[in-house]
Protein backbone atom coordinates (compact mmCIF):
# COMPACT_ATOMS: atom_id res chain seq x y z
CA MET A 1 0.12 -27.07 15.16
CA PRO A 2 3.86 -27.12 14.43
CA ALA A 3 6.04 -23.94 14.25
CA SER A 4 6.78 -24.42 10.73
CA LEU A 5 3.33 -24.56 9.48
CA ILE A 6 2.45 -21.32 11.68
CA PHE A 7 5.47 -19.75 9.73
CA LEU A 8 4.00 -21.08 6.47
CA ALA A 9 0.55 -19.69 7.02
CA GLY A 10 2.11 -16.36 8.18
CA LEU A 11 4.44 -15.92 5.07
CA TYR A 12 1.34 -16.53 3.05
CA ALA A 13 -0.63 -13.69 4.96
CA GLY A 14 2.02 -11.51 4.50
CA LEU A 15 2.99 -11.96 1.12
CA SER A 16 -0.81 -11.77 0.04
CA VAL A 17 -1.11 -8.56 1.80
CA VAL A 18 2.04 -7.29 -0.15
CA ALA A 19 0.54 -8.78 -3.44
CA PHE A 20 -2.80 -7.29 -3.01
CA LEU A 21 -1.24 -3.76 -2.09
CA VAL A 22 0.99 -3.97 -5.51
CA TYR A 23 -1.91 -5.06 -7.49
CA ALA A 24 -3.94 -2.23 -6.15
CA PHE A 25 -0.95 0.30 -6.65
CA ASP A 26 -0.51 -1.17 -10.35
CA LYS A 27 -4.29 -0.52 -11.16
CA TRP A 28 -3.92 3.11 -9.54
CA ALA A 29 -1.15 3.69 -12.02
CA ALA A 30 -2.64 2.24 -14.84
CA VAL A 31 -5.77 4.49 -14.23
CA LYS A 32 -3.48 7.46 -13.77
CA GLY A 33 -0.95 6.74 -16.61
CA ARG A 34 2.08 6.48 -14.16
CA ARG A 35 4.74 4.12 -14.20
CA ARG A 36 3.74 0.65 -13.80
CA VAL A 37 4.54 -2.52 -11.76
CA SER A 38 6.41 -5.11 -14.14
CA GLU A 39 4.40 -8.25 -14.88
CA LYS A 40 7.53 -9.96 -13.87
CA THR A 41 7.28 -8.63 -10.17
CA LEU A 42 3.59 -9.37 -10.14
CA HIS A 43 4.35 -13.25 -10.90
CA LEU A 44 7.17 -13.22 -8.67
CA ILE A 45 5.39 -11.96 -5.59
CA GLY A 46 2.60 -14.67 -6.56
CA VAL A 47 4.98 -17.61 -6.80
CA PHE A 48 6.55 -16.98 -3.48
CA GLY A 49 3.26 -16.95 -1.95
CA GLY A 50 1.31 -13.90 -2.53
CA TRP A 51 -0.92 -15.51 -4.87
CA PRO A 52 -4.08 -15.77 -2.67
CA GLY A 53 -3.98 -11.59 -2.27
CA ALA A 54 -3.15 -11.22 -6.09
CA LEU A 55 -6.44 -13.25 -6.86
CA LEU A 56 -8.29 -11.10 -4.49
CA ALA A 57 -7.03 -8.03 -6.11
CA ARG A 58 -7.47 -9.17 -9.60
CA ARG A 59 -10.89 -9.81 -8.98
CA LEU A 60 -11.84 -6.89 -6.76
CA PHE A 61 -10.05 -4.32 -8.89
CA ARG A 62 -10.70 -6.23 -12.24
CA HIS A 63 -7.28 -5.92 -12.91
CA LYS A 64 -5.02 -8.22 -15.16
CA THR A 65 -7.98 -10.11 -15.85
CA SER A 66 -8.24 -10.15 -19.84
CA LYS A 67 -4.73 -10.36 -20.75
CA ARG A 68 -4.38 -13.94 -21.55
CA GLY A 69 -0.71 -14.27 -21.50
CA PHE A 70 -0.85 -12.82 -17.91
CA VAL A 71 -3.68 -14.97 -16.71
CA SER A 72 -2.00 -17.96 -18.07
CA ILE A 73 1.23 -17.26 -16.25
CA PHE A 74 -0.51 -16.42 -13.06
CA TRP A 75 -2.41 -19.82 -12.81
CA MET A 76 1.15 -21.52 -13.72
CA THR A 77 2.53 -19.65 -10.81
CA VAL A 78 -0.28 -20.66 -8.58
CA LEU A 79 0.13 -24.43 -9.59
CA ALA A 80 3.92 -24.17 -9.31
CA ASN A 81 3.58 -22.59 -5.46
CA LEU A 82 0.98 -25.10 -4.49
CA ALA A 83 3.12 -28.01 -5.80
CA VAL A 84 6.21 -27.08 -3.86
CA VAL A 85 4.10 -26.30 -0.72
CA THR A 86 2.58 -29.53 -1.08
CA ALA A 87 6.02 -31.47 -1.70
CA LEU A 88 7.25 -29.69 1.56
CA VAL A 89 4.48 -30.68 3.63
CA VAL A 90 4.94 -34.23 2.31
CA LEU A 91 8.45 -34.18 3.13
CA TYR A 92 7.83 -32.54 6.54
CA ARG A 93 5.26 -35.25 7.52
CA LYS A 94 7.40 -38.15 6.59
CA LEU A 95 10.60 -36.64 8.42
CA MET A 96 8.45 -35.98 11.42
CA ALA A 97 7.31 -39.78 11.29
CA ALA A 98 10.68 -41.35 11.17
């Protein structure tokens, strides 16, 4: 496996752990009435590659699952991330084949 793909997998894994922990903290803060993590921050972590961890945390903690606006933007960030990663992989393969 090329080093760039290993790096990409590691980036996703690392950001997923960060996203999971941030969502867990935000759920704890919501329950305790403490200062929350902004939705913008949650979406930014997801769009940069942490969405798998965010998805797991949302399901596990039942957090941010019923707010339609948030859910819509969450899925748009997932699609945007996947589109960019797919384009990068296709570009990488074309460059390596040339």
